[in-house]
Every structure is written in C-alpha cells, then in structure tokens.
Amino acid sequence: MGGKDTSRKRRFGNVRKLPSGKYQARYTGPDGLSRTAPTSFGTERTAERWLVQTEADILRGDWLDPDGGKVELREYIADWLRERDLKPRTREEYERHIRLHALPHLGDLAISAIGAPTIRTWRTKLLSAGVGRPTVAKTYRILHAVFNTAVDDDLIRRNPCRIKGAATAKADERPMATLDQVFAIAAAIQPRYRVLVFLATFAQLRFGELVALRRRSVDLVAMELVVRKATAEMEDGTQVDDDPKSEAGKRTISLPQGLRAALELHIATYAQSGPHGRLFIGPAGGIPRRRNFNRVRKKALKDAGIPVDLDLHLHDLRHTGSTWSARGGATLKELMARIGHSSTRAAMIYQHATSDRDHAIAAALDALIEEAGSKINA
C-alpha cells in the first residue's frame, strides 16, 4: 500500500505519510518536473520545514537540480576539456595531470559527492605516495577550475577545492650562473648554439621562444628582437609553432650592443635563408628538440668545467639574465615586460615598459659583456 497525504493543503509541495511511518516531501521544481526529497523525514513538521527551505532556494535562484550533480567527474571533466580553448601543449598537459593524478582517485565519483574532505584526502594520498608538490599543485589548480565551472553550471553549490595554499608549490631554488660561466658554456657548446646561449641569458628567452625565432625576428640596426611565437613539442614528437603562453609573451626586447658581432656571424653561418628562415636549426637541418639540445648542453657544461652539482639548465640562464637586469635597475614592471610574464592581476598585463627604459636595461647588460672583454667574439 502506498502512503497517503495526511497534511493540510499546502501552497508549495505536499507531504505524505509512508507505510513505514516516516514522511515524504514532494514538490514541482523550476523545470516543471515533480521531485521527491532525497530523504524521508521522521515527522511531518520536519518534512514541511524542508519544503519551506526548498521553496526559498527556488525564489532566491539558489535551487540546484538534484539530478545534475549525479554526473561522474570522469564524464564531466571530459566535456570540460572539450569545451576549453586551450593550446595543444597545454591541453596535453591538462589531460596528463587529470589522467594520472585525478581520475584514478576521483573519476568514478559523482560531482555532488565530492566535498572538501574528499579533496583533502585525495591531496594527502598523492603527497604521501611521493608525487611532487608542483605536480599536485598543478592538478589541484585544474580541479579547482573544473569545479568552478560546475558551480556556474548549477551542479553544485560550492567549490570543494578550498585548501589554503594547495594551488601553489614553492619550487626549489635554481642556481644562477656567473658571467664567466655563461661565456665558458657559450665557448664550449656547438658553435651553432652559441648565440642561443647568449639570447637565453641576455634576452631572457625560453627554449620554445628561441627555436621559434626567424631571421626577421632580429633587427641588427635597432638591436632589437621580436618574440611572436613559441615552438611547443607534443608528446608524439610533433613540433607546433603557437602563440606564447600569454599576450605578455609577445614582446620586443632590446639587445646589448655587445651581441651584434656574434649575431651577425651566426645569421650568416647557421640561420636558414630568407626572412622566414629559422634562426636556429640542428645539424641535420631540423628544428632543435629539447631532449637533443639537453645532451648538447650537458656536454658543454662538462667541457666548460661547470661543477656537476650546479646542474645549470637553459632556463637557469634566463633566470640569471633576469637577475642581472634587476641589478641593472629594471623595475618589476620592466622585468615582466622583458621576460614575458603576465601577472595574476589583470592590470599588470597591460603595463609595458617603455622602449627607452628597455634599451637602458640592455645597456646595463652590455656593461657586463664589456667587462668580459673579447670573450664574446673569441
């Protein structure tokens, strides 16, 4: 036998007594569908209070479809990725972090079933298993963005990713090269990559930005270099020229005058022909790959007598040049403009250093090069 309506006539919803003696609340949602409360109630009064709260949620626009949050995270995150306008390399990175670190633990759970305690437990398990803090922080940031969208989609009321500081991870302090070490590495490396070392240091370029440079990127009269693209290497080995990570990555960089002779020699000797020819190509004529270049870099470090424990990466030369620029008097905004960093504050993205100040920074770096004397043209 079914239950029967034992309550007075209500303006919103109805309550009926079940054969078990408990009470069931039903109502019509904003979508026009008849819905039942997710649980039964011990008293009629309790069921009525639940209906009052539900009606208030609807009137305030806070009502959530109880079926919407039942979608599994695995399914929702797949749709989320398809709908994002991501660069190919970024998409691969997101998919890898999700596949390796999120889905094995959370993928089969419904969106609405994932609360703050679930996220805390997931993060603790990853760290306890030895997953690096930067990797965990990156995966956490992706999940935070996914759940923000779920909130916007009215699937959940609140983002469960609420761990203070979990989105950031303090990276290990990277080493900085001395001026003599930079020139020693440049002298020891394969000649076709000598200017690449100089530009990584004195123009503070990333590897992807360096290998994307063309002949026309360099203006030897004005001693300026224009960054418009970055070459990304996909997991299948494909190399793709794409826009830099942010609009701040598209920039014009003033170069120290002391690099002119080295640049002229490199362009005449190693660059591909024509204005669109690549500035840097490998010995077989291909686009340099990070893995192959790392072997060349490590040999150069050894030949240059750089201590093994220093473990200088190409990106450390960018860090080195940025530090020297700061010491030369560059402000934070000028440094951000020079190295292509965008701030978390939107206003900083649109604050660019003036051309005159950028040339002043280059002049300060030029003074360092002059201190090295003839090493750069040796």
Protein backbone atom coordinates (compact mmCIF):
# COMPACT_ATOMS: atom_id res chain seq x y z
CA MET A 1 0.00 0.00 0.00
CA GLY A 2 1.21 3.50 -0.74
CA GLY A 3 1.30 6.36 1.71
CA LYS A 4 -1.39 8.96 1.96
CA ASP A 5 -1.43 12.75 2.23
CA THR A 6 -2.12 13.50 5.89
CA SER A 7 -1.31 17.19 5.86
CA ARG A 8 -3.39 20.28 5.22
CA LYS A 9 -3.38 21.73 1.70
CA ARG A 10 -0.07 23.49 1.05
CA ARG A 11 0.78 26.38 -1.27
CA PHE A 12 4.06 24.68 -2.26
CA GLY A 13 4.60 20.95 -2.44
CA ASN A 14 2.96 18.24 -0.41
CA VAL A 15 3.77 15.84 2.40
CA ARG A 16 2.50 12.31 2.73
CA LYS A 17 2.91 9.63 5.36
CA LEU A 18 4.62 6.45 4.19
CA PRO A 19 3.70 2.92 5.33
CA SER A 20 6.93 2.95 7.34
CA GLY A 21 5.58 5.78 9.45
CA LYS A 22 8.02 8.31 8.01
CA TYR A 23 7.06 11.30 5.87
CA GLN A 24 7.86 12.05 2.25
CA ALA A 25 8.03 15.56 0.74
CA ARG A 26 7.35 16.22 -2.92
CA TYR A 27 7.36 19.42 -4.96
CA THR A 28 7.45 20.74 -8.52
CA GLY A 29 10.83 22.19 -9.49
CA PRO A 30 11.50 25.26 -11.66
CA ASP A 31 11.98 22.85 -14.57
CA GLY A 32 8.34 21.71 -14.22
CA LEU A 33 9.28 18.22 -13.07
CA SER A 34 7.83 16.62 -9.95
CA ARG A 35 10.59 15.82 -7.48
CA THR A 36 10.90 13.95 -4.21
CA ALA A 37 13.10 14.99 -1.30
CA PRO A 38 16.33 12.95 -1.22
CA THR A 39 15.43 11.52 2.21
CA SER A 40 12.30 10.76 4.20
CA PHE A 41 11.58 12.55 7.47
CA GLY A 42 10.74 11.38 10.95
CA THR A 43 7.99 13.93 11.45
CA GLU A 44 5.55 15.82 9.27
CA ARG A 45 6.84 19.07 10.71
CA THR A 46 10.41 18.29 9.61
CA ALA A 47 9.22 17.50 6.07
CA GLU A 48 7.31 20.79 5.94
CA ARG A 49 10.38 22.75 7.04
CA TRP A 50 12.36 21.11 4.26
CA LEU A 51 9.73 22.23 1.73
CA VAL A 52 9.88 25.79 3.09
CA GLN A 53 13.67 25.82 2.64
CA THR A 54 13.41 24.36 -0.86
CA GLU A 55 10.84 26.97 -1.89
CA ALA A 56 13.11 29.72 -0.53
CA ASP A 57 16.03 28.35 -2.57
CA ILE A 58 13.89 28.45 -5.71
CA LEU A 59 12.74 32.02 -5.06
CA ARG A 60 16.34 33.18 -4.45
CA GLY A 61 17.60 31.37 -7.54
CA ASP A 62 19.74 29.05 -5.39
CA TRP A 63 17.91 25.84 -6.29
CA LEU A 64 20.08 23.10 -7.75
CA ASP A 65 18.83 20.27 -9.91
CA PRO A 66 19.35 17.24 -7.65
CA ASP A 67 19.98 15.06 -10.70
CA GLY A 68 22.54 17.42 -12.22
CA GLY A 69 25.25 16.67 -9.69
CA LYS A 70 24.97 12.93 -10.28
CA VAL A 71 27.24 13.11 -13.34
CA GLU A 72 30.57 11.39 -12.69
CA LEU A 73 33.67 13.57 -12.55
CA ARG A 74 35.24 11.45 -15.32
CA GLU A 75 32.41 12.33 -17.70
CA TYR A 76 32.13 15.96 -16.66
CA ILE A 77 35.86 16.65 -16.91
CA ALA A 78 35.97 15.12 -20.42
CA ASP A 79 33.28 17.58 -21.53
CA TRP A 80 35.07 20.38 -19.68
CA LEU A 81 38.28 19.76 -21.61
CA ARG A 82 36.48 19.60 -24.96
CA GLU A 83 34.88 22.96 -24.30
CA ARG A 84 38.10 24.73 -23.33
CA ASP A 85 40.02 26.80 -25.87
CA LEU A 86 43.47 25.50 -24.92
CA LYS A 87 46.76 25.49 -26.76
CA PRO A 88 47.72 21.98 -27.93
CA ARG A 89 50.61 21.63 -25.48
CA THR A 90 48.51 22.97 -22.60
CA ARG A 91 45.71 20.54 -23.46
CA GLU A 92 48.16 17.62 -23.38
CA GLU A 93 49.49 18.81 -20.02
CA TYR A 94 45.99 19.08 -18.53
CA GLU A 95 44.97 15.67 -19.86
CA ARG A 96 48.12 14.05 -18.46
CA HIS A 97 47.68 15.52 -14.98
CA ILE A 98 44.00 14.54 -14.91
CA ARG A 99 44.62 11.03 -16.24
CA LEU A 100 47.49 10.25 -13.88
CA HIS A 101 46.56 12.05 -10.69
CA ALA A 102 42.83 12.89 -10.59
CA LEU A 103 40.76 10.22 -12.32
CA PRO A 104 42.26 7.16 -10.56
CA HIS A 105 41.07 8.55 -7.21
CA LEU A 106 38.04 10.72 -8.06
CA GLY A 107 36.92 9.79 -11.57
CA ASP A 108 34.08 7.44 -10.60
CA LEU A 109 32.54 9.79 -8.03
CA ALA A 110 29.54 11.98 -8.77
CA ILE A 111 30.28 15.70 -8.85
CA SER A 112 27.90 16.34 -5.98
CA ALA A 113 29.54 13.58 -3.90
CA ILE A 114 32.94 15.28 -3.90
CA GLY A 115 33.20 17.56 -0.91
CA ALA A 116 36.07 19.40 0.75
CA PRO A 117 37.02 16.34 2.90
CA THR A 118 37.27 14.20 -0.26
CA ILE A 119 39.63 16.71 -1.87
CA ARG A 120 41.78 16.90 1.29
CA THR A 121 42.06 13.10 1.41
CA TRP A 122 42.91 12.93 -2.31
CA ARG A 123 45.67 15.52 -1.98
CA THR A 124 47.14 13.84 1.12
CA LYS A 125 47.25 10.48 -0.67
CA LEU A 126 49.12 11.94 -3.63
CA LEU A 127 51.72 13.64 -1.44
CA SER A 128 52.12 10.52 0.70
CA ALA A 129 52.68 8.46 -2.45
CA GLY A 130 55.63 10.69 -3.36
CA VAL A 131 54.02 12.75 -6.11
CA GLY A 132 55.91 16.05 -6.29
CA ARG A 133 54.31 19.12 -4.74
CA PRO A 134 54.46 21.13 -8.01
CA THR A 135 52.59 18.29 -9.79
CA VAL A 136 49.99 18.04 -7.03
CA ALA A 137 49.53 21.84 -7.05
CA LYS A 138 49.08 21.84 -10.83
CA THR A 139 46.46 19.07 -10.69
CA TYR A 140 44.70 20.86 -7.83
CA ARG A 141 44.51 24.07 -9.90
CA ILE A 142 42.93 22.17 -12.79
CA LEU A 143 40.35 20.56 -10.49
CA HIS A 144 39.62 23.94 -8.92
CA ALA A 145 38.83 25.33 -12.38
CA VAL A 146 36.67 22.30 -13.22
CA PHE A 147 34.60 22.67 -10.04
CA ASN A 148 34.26 26.42 -10.60
CA THR A 149 32.57 25.56 -13.89
CA ALA A 150 30.35 23.02 -12.11
CA VAL A 151 29.26 25.80 -9.75
CA ASP A 152 28.50 28.04 -12.73
CA ASP A 153 26.52 25.18 -14.28
CA ASP A 154 24.42 24.96 -11.10
CA LEU A 155 25.52 21.37 -10.49
CA ILE A 156 26.99 22.08 -7.07
CA ARG A 157 26.59 24.92 -4.64
CA ARG A 158 30.22 25.42 -3.64
CA ASN A 159 33.68 24.52 -4.96
CA PRO A 160 35.14 21.69 -2.81
CA CYS A 161 38.73 22.78 -3.58
CA ARG A 162 39.20 25.07 -0.58
CA ILE A 163 42.60 24.09 0.81
CA LYS A 164 44.61 27.21 1.60
CA GLY A 165 47.90 27.26 -0.31
CA ALA A 166 47.24 23.99 -2.17
CA ALA A 167 47.32 25.70 -5.58
CA THR A 168 50.90 26.86 -5.11
CA ALA A 169 54.11 24.96 -4.50
CA LYS A 170 57.40 26.58 -3.67
CA ALA A 171 59.89 25.46 -6.29
CA ASP A 172 63.42 24.54 -5.33
CA GLU A 173 65.79 27.46 -5.63
CA ARG A 174 67.51 27.20 -9.01
CA PRO A 175 71.20 28.01 -9.44
CA MET A 176 72.47 31.16 -11.07
CA ALA A 177 75.47 31.28 -13.39
CA THR A 178 78.34 33.71 -13.13
CA LEU A 179 79.31 35.86 -16.09
CA ASP A 180 82.45 33.77 -16.65
CA GLN A 181 80.37 30.58 -16.61
CA VAL A 182 77.98 31.92 -19.25
CA PHE A 183 80.85 32.72 -21.60
CA ALA A 184 82.55 29.40 -20.82
CA ILE A 185 79.38 27.49 -21.74
CA ALA A 186 78.97 29.54 -24.93
CA ALA A 187 82.56 28.81 -25.91
CA ALA A 188 82.23 25.07 -25.20
CA ILE A 189 78.87 24.41 -26.85
CA GLN A 190 78.44 23.53 -30.52
CA PRO A 191 79.04 26.80 -32.45
CA ARG A 192 75.53 26.76 -33.96
CA TYR A 193 74.09 27.07 -30.43
CA ARG A 194 76.47 29.71 -29.12
CA VAL A 195 74.13 32.64 -29.79
CA LEU A 196 71.25 30.60 -28.37
CA VAL A 197 73.11 30.60 -25.03
CA PHE A 198 73.64 34.36 -25.25
CA LEU A 199 69.98 35.06 -26.07
CA ALA A 200 68.75 32.76 -23.31
CA THR A 201 70.86 34.82 -20.90
CA PHE A 202 70.88 38.41 -22.18
CA ALA A 203 67.41 38.42 -23.81
CA GLN A 204 65.92 36.07 -21.17
CA LEU A 205 64.21 33.83 -23.72
CA ARG A 206 62.61 30.42 -23.12
CA PHE A 207 63.68 27.41 -25.19
CA GLY A 208 60.40 27.38 -27.15
CA GLU A 209 60.77 31.09 -27.93
CA LEU A 210 64.38 30.64 -29.04
CA VAL A 211 63.73 27.85 -31.53
CA ALA A 212 60.73 29.73 -32.96
CA LEU A 213 62.85 32.79 -33.88
CA ARG A 214 63.25 33.69 -37.55
CA ARG A 215 65.78 35.89 -39.33
CA ARG A 216 63.22 38.69 -39.43
CA SER A 217 62.84 38.45 -35.65
CA VAL A 218 66.20 40.19 -35.23
CA ASP A 219 66.77 43.86 -36.14
CA LEU A 220 70.54 44.35 -36.08
CA VAL A 221 70.24 48.09 -36.74
CA ALA A 222 68.00 48.79 -33.77
CA MET A 223 69.46 45.82 -31.85
CA GLU A 224 66.01 44.55 -31.04
CA LEU A 225 64.46 41.12 -31.08
CA VAL A 226 60.73 40.43 -31.56
CA VAL A 227 59.06 37.43 -29.93
CA ARG A 228 55.76 36.46 -31.54
CA LYS A 229 55.73 32.65 -31.44
CA ALA A 230 56.95 29.74 -29.34
CA THR A 231 57.62 26.22 -30.60
CA ALA A 232 55.94 23.53 -28.49
CA GLU A 233 56.85 19.85 -28.69
CA MET A 234 53.92 17.46 -28.33
CA GLU A 235 54.05 14.04 -26.70
CA ASP A 236 54.02 12.34 -30.13
CA GLY A 237 57.08 14.37 -31.15
CA THR A 238 55.20 16.86 -33.34
CA GLN A 239 56.52 20.43 -33.12
CA VAL A 240 53.98 23.22 -33.30
CA ASP A 241 54.55 26.96 -33.58
CA ASP A 242 51.94 28.71 -31.49
CA ASP A 243 51.38 31.95 -29.62
CA PRO A 244 53.28 32.31 -26.34
CA LYS A 245 51.55 31.29 -23.10
CA SER A 246 50.03 34.74 -22.70
CA GLU A 247 49.78 38.04 -24.57
CA ALA A 248 52.61 39.29 -22.35
CA GLY A 249 54.84 36.76 -24.13
CA LYS A 250 54.55 38.73 -27.36
CA ARG A 251 57.16 41.40 -26.88
CA THR A 252 60.07 43.38 -28.31
CA ILE A 253 63.36 43.03 -26.45
CA SER A 254 66.29 45.41 -26.65
CA LEU A 255 69.60 43.59 -27.09
CA PRO A 256 73.01 44.53 -25.70
CA GLN A 257 75.21 46.08 -28.38
CA GLY A 258 77.95 43.61 -27.46
CA LEU A 259 75.96 40.78 -29.09
CA ARG A 260 75.96 42.41 -32.55
CA ALA A 261 79.07 40.72 -33.96
CA ALA A 262 78.06 37.28 -32.63
CA LEU A 263 74.57 37.67 -34.10
CA GLU A 264 75.89 38.78 -37.49
CA LEU A 265 78.24 35.78 -37.65
CA HIS A 266 75.52 33.36 -36.57
CA ILE A 267 72.96 34.63 -39.09
CA ALA A 268 75.49 34.49 -41.91
CA THR A 269 76.68 31.00 -40.96
CA TYR A 270 73.87 28.98 -39.40
CA ALA A 271 70.43 30.58 -39.95
CA GLN A 272 68.12 29.34 -42.68
CA SER A 273 67.89 31.58 -45.73
CA GLY A 274 65.14 34.14 -46.25
CA PRO A 275 63.37 36.40 -43.75
CA HIS A 276 61.22 33.50 -42.54
CA GLY A 277 64.19 31.16 -42.15
CA ARG A 278 64.71 29.85 -38.63
CA LEU A 279 67.47 31.43 -36.62
CA PHE A 280 68.40 28.11 -35.00
CA ILE A 281 68.43 24.73 -36.75
CA GLY A 282 70.02 21.43 -35.80
CA PRO A 283 73.00 19.85 -37.58
CA ALA A 284 70.64 17.88 -39.85
CA GLY A 285 68.55 20.96 -40.66
CA GLY A 286 65.66 20.20 -38.33
CA ILE A 287 64.09 22.25 -35.56
CA PRO A 288 66.09 21.69 -32.35
CA ARG A 289 64.36 19.40 -29.89
CA ARG A 290 64.60 19.90 -26.16
CA ARG A 291 65.84 16.36 -25.47
CA ASN A 292 68.55 16.53 -28.11
CA PHE A 293 69.61 20.00 -27.05
CA ASN A 294 69.87 18.87 -23.42
CA ARG A 295 72.51 16.35 -24.43
CA VAL A 296 74.42 19.12 -26.18
CA ARG A 297 74.00 21.37 -23.15
CA LYS A 298 75.25 18.75 -20.69
CA LYS A 299 78.36 18.09 -22.79
CA ALA A 300 79.05 21.84 -22.95
CA LEU A 301 78.74 22.14 -19.17
CA LYS A 302 81.22 19.31 -18.72
CA ASP A 303 83.65 20.72 -21.30
CA ALA A 304 83.36 24.18 -19.73
CA GLY A 305 84.28 22.79 -16.32
CA ILE A 306 80.96 23.74 -14.72
CA PRO A 307 80.56 21.83 -11.42
CA VAL A 308 78.23 18.85 -11.85
CA ASP A 309 76.28 19.69 -8.70
CA LEU A 310 75.40 23.12 -10.15
CA ASP A 311 73.21 21.38 -12.79
CA LEU A 312 72.66 24.51 -14.87
CA HIS A 313 69.62 24.26 -17.18
CA LEU A 314 68.98 26.59 -20.10
CA HIS A 315 66.12 28.14 -18.11
CA ASP A 316 68.61 28.96 -15.35
CA LEU A 317 70.41 31.23 -17.82
CA ARG A 318 67.12 33.08 -18.33
CA HIS A 319 66.86 33.41 -14.55
CA THR A 320 70.47 34.59 -14.43
CA GLY A 321 69.90 37.31 -17.05
CA SER A 322 66.74 38.46 -15.31
CA THR A 323 68.63 38.83 -12.03
CA TRP A 324 71.34 40.85 -13.73
CA SER A 325 68.65 43.05 -15.34
CA ALA A 326 67.14 43.71 -11.91
CA ARG A 327 70.55 44.63 -10.57
CA GLY A 328 70.89 46.99 -13.53
CA GLY A 329 67.95 48.98 -12.22
CA ALA A 330 64.97 47.39 -14.00
CA THR A 331 61.68 47.79 -12.16
CA LEU A 332 59.30 44.88 -11.61
CA LYS A 333 57.05 46.08 -14.46
CA GLU A 334 60.01 46.42 -16.80
CA LEU A 335 61.22 42.93 -15.94
CA MET A 336 57.77 41.50 -16.51
CA ALA A 337 57.63 43.16 -19.92
CA ARG A 338 61.11 41.95 -20.83
CA ILE A 339 60.72 38.31 -19.82
CA GLY A 340 57.12 37.98 -20.96
CA HIS A 341 55.43 37.30 -17.63
CA SER A 342 51.76 38.03 -17.03
CA SER A 343 50.58 38.81 -13.52
CA THR A 344 47.63 37.33 -11.68
CA ARG A 345 46.34 40.88 -11.55
CA ALA A 346 44.83 41.75 -14.90
CA ALA A 347 46.05 45.36 -14.79
CA MET A 348 49.69 44.24 -14.85
CA ILE A 349 49.21 42.53 -18.22
CA TYR A 350 48.70 45.89 -19.86
CA GLN A 351 51.54 47.72 -18.18
CA HIS A 352 54.52 47.68 -20.52
CA ALA A 353 57.98 49.07 -20.12
CA THR A 354 58.90 51.97 -22.38
CA SER A 355 61.32 51.39 -25.23
CA ASP A 356 63.81 53.85 -23.76
CA ARG A 357 63.91 52.06 -20.40
CA ASP A 358 64.25 48.68 -22.12
CA HIS A 359 67.25 49.98 -24.05
CA ALA A 360 68.66 51.18 -20.74
CA ILE A 361 68.34 47.66 -19.36
CA ALA A 362 70.15 46.31 -22.41
CA ALA A 363 72.87 48.91 -21.89
CA ALA A 364 73.36 47.71 -18.32
CA LEU A 365 73.75 44.16 -19.60
CA ASP A 366 76.15 45.48 -22.23
CA ALA A 367 78.37 46.80 -19.47
CA LEU A 368 78.67 43.27 -18.11
CA ILE A 369 79.63 41.98 -21.53
CA GLU A 370 82.28 44.67 -21.89
CA GLU A 371 83.74 43.52 -18.58
CA ALA A 372 84.28 40.14 -20.19
CA GLY A 373 86.37 41.79 -22.86
CA SER A 374 86.93 39.81 -26.02
CA LYS A 375 85.43 36.57 -24.73
CA ILE A 376 82.20 37.04 -26.65
CA ASN A 377 83.98 37.24 -30.02
CA ALA A 378 86.63 34.66 -29.25
